[in-house]
Amino acid sequence: MKQFLIRFWKETDGQDLVEYALIVAAIALGLIAAVRGVTTALNSLYESITAALALTGQ
């Protein structure tokens, strides 16, 4: 059992795949945060345009 655990700990097969998956996950989280920021900004812009049009329509 000890030999199995030592071999398992030193084994590097599949390590690159895990690293790439972590990089992709980090990029995805960054993109999600950026899109949320843009969404908030656009929502604010549309609300101000709507308010301005409502004032000119009265």
C-alpha atoms as a PDB file:
ATOM      1  CA  MET A   1       0.000   0.000   0.000  1.00  0.00           C
ATOM      2  CA  LYS A   2       2.866   2.344   0.816  1.00  0.00           C
ATOM      3  CA  GLN A   3       4.434   1.744  -2.610  1.00  0.00           C
ATOM      4  CA  PHE A   4       1.097   2.435  -4.292  1.00  0.00           C
ATOM      5  CA  LEU A   5       0.720   5.772  -2.501  1.00  0.00           C
ATOM      6  CA  ILE A   6       4.291   6.792  -3.324  1.00  0.00           C
ATOM      7  CA  ARG A   7       3.764   5.918  -6.994  1.00  0.00           C
ATOM      8  CA  PHE A   8       0.413   7.725  -7.022  1.00  0.00           C
ATOM      9  CA  TRP A   9       1.952  10.847  -5.479  1.00  0.00           C
ATOM     10  CA  LYS A  10       4.821  10.959  -7.997  1.00  0.00           C
ATOM     11  CA  GLU A  11       2.712  10.180 -11.045  1.00  0.00           C
ATOM     12  CA  THR A  12       2.412  13.136 -13.400  1.00  0.00           C
ATOM     13  CA  ASP A  13       0.162  11.704 -16.107  1.00  0.00           C
ATOM     14  CA  GLY A  14      -2.786  14.021 -16.659  1.00  0.00           C
ATOM     15  CA  GLN A  15      -1.178  16.906 -14.803  1.00  0.00           C
ATOM     16  CA  ASP A  16      -1.107  19.115 -17.904  1.00  0.00           C
ATOM     17  CA  LEU A  17      -4.797  18.551 -18.498  1.00  0.00           C
ATOM     18  CA  VAL A  18      -5.627  19.713 -14.987  1.00  0.00           C
ATOM     19  CA  GLU A  19      -3.464  22.809 -15.390  1.00  0.00           C
ATOM     20  CA  TYR A  20      -5.138  23.698 -18.680  1.00  0.00           C
ATOM     21  CA  ALA A  21      -8.558  23.186 -17.115  1.00  0.00           C
ATOM     22  CA  LEU A  22      -7.652  25.550 -14.270  1.00  0.00           C
ATOM     23  CA  ILE A  23      -6.441  28.166 -16.743  1.00  0.00           C
ATOM     24  CA  VAL A  24      -9.631  27.874 -18.776  1.00  0.00           C
ATOM     25  CA  ALA A  25     -11.723  28.161 -15.609  1.00  0.00           C
ATOM     26  CA  ALA A  26      -9.836  31.299 -14.531  1.00  0.00           C
ATOM     27  CA  ILE A  27     -10.315  32.879 -17.958  1.00  0.00           C
ATOM     28  CA  ALA A  28     -14.005  31.986 -17.913  1.00  0.00           C
ATOM     29  CA  LEU A  29     -14.461  33.587 -14.496  1.00  0.00           C
ATOM     30  CA  GLY A  30     -12.717  36.718 -15.721  1.00  0.00           C
ATOM     31  CA  LEU A  31     -14.944  36.889 -18.779  1.00  0.00           C
ATOM     32  CA  ILE A  32     -18.063  36.408 -16.678  1.00  0.00           C
ATOM     33  CA  ALA A  33     -17.004  39.269 -14.402  1.00  0.00           C
ATOM     34  CA  ALA A  34     -16.305  41.500 -17.413  1.00  0.00           C
ATOM     35  CA  VAL A  35     -19.636  40.709 -19.046  1.00  0.00           C
ATOM     36  CA  ARG A  36     -21.463  41.446 -15.795  1.00  0.00           C
ATOM     37  CA  GLY A  37     -19.726  44.820 -15.606  1.00  0.00           C
ATOM     38  CA  VAL A  38     -20.643  45.663 -19.200  1.00  0.00           C
ATOM     39  CA  THR A  39     -24.211  44.523 -18.599  1.00  0.00           C
ATOM     40  CA  THR A  40     -24.524  46.822 -15.594  1.00  0.00           C
ATOM     41  CA  ALA A  41     -23.097  49.748 -17.557  1.00  0.00           C
ATOM     42  CA  LEU A  42     -25.424  49.148 -20.508  1.00  0.00           C
ATOM     43  CA  ASN A  43     -28.424  48.818 -18.234  1.00  0.00           C
ATOM     44  CA  SER A  44     -27.575  52.142 -16.621  1.00  0.00           C
ATOM     45  CA  LEU A  45     -27.159  53.756 -20.045  1.00  0.00           C
ATOM     46  CA  TYR A  46     -30.519  52.470 -21.297  1.00  0.00           C
ATOM     47  CA  GLU A  47     -32.249  53.630 -18.123  1.00  0.00           C
ATOM     48  CA  SER A  48     -30.857  57.147 -18.517  1.00  0.00           C
ATOM     49  CA  ILE A  49     -31.902  57.226 -22.199  1.00  0.00           C
ATOM     50  CA  THR A  50     -35.392  56.034 -21.265  1.00  0.00           C
ATOM     51  CA  ALA A  51     -35.663  58.682 -18.549  1.00  0.00           C
ATOM     52  CA  ALA A  52     -34.504  61.402 -20.949  1.00  0.00           C
ATOM     53  CA  LEU A  53     -37.014  60.309 -23.602  1.00  0.00           C
ATOM     54  CA  ALA A  54     -39.790  60.231 -21.018  1.00  0.00           C
ATOM     55  CA  LEU A  55     -39.022  63.827 -20.023  1.00  0.00           C
ATOM     56  CA  THR A  56     -39.040  65.050 -23.636  1.00  0.00           C
ATOM     57  CA  GLY A  57     -42.305  63.270 -24.361  1.00  0.00           C
ATOM     58  CA  GLN A  58     -44.288  65.137 -21.690  1.00  0.00           C
END
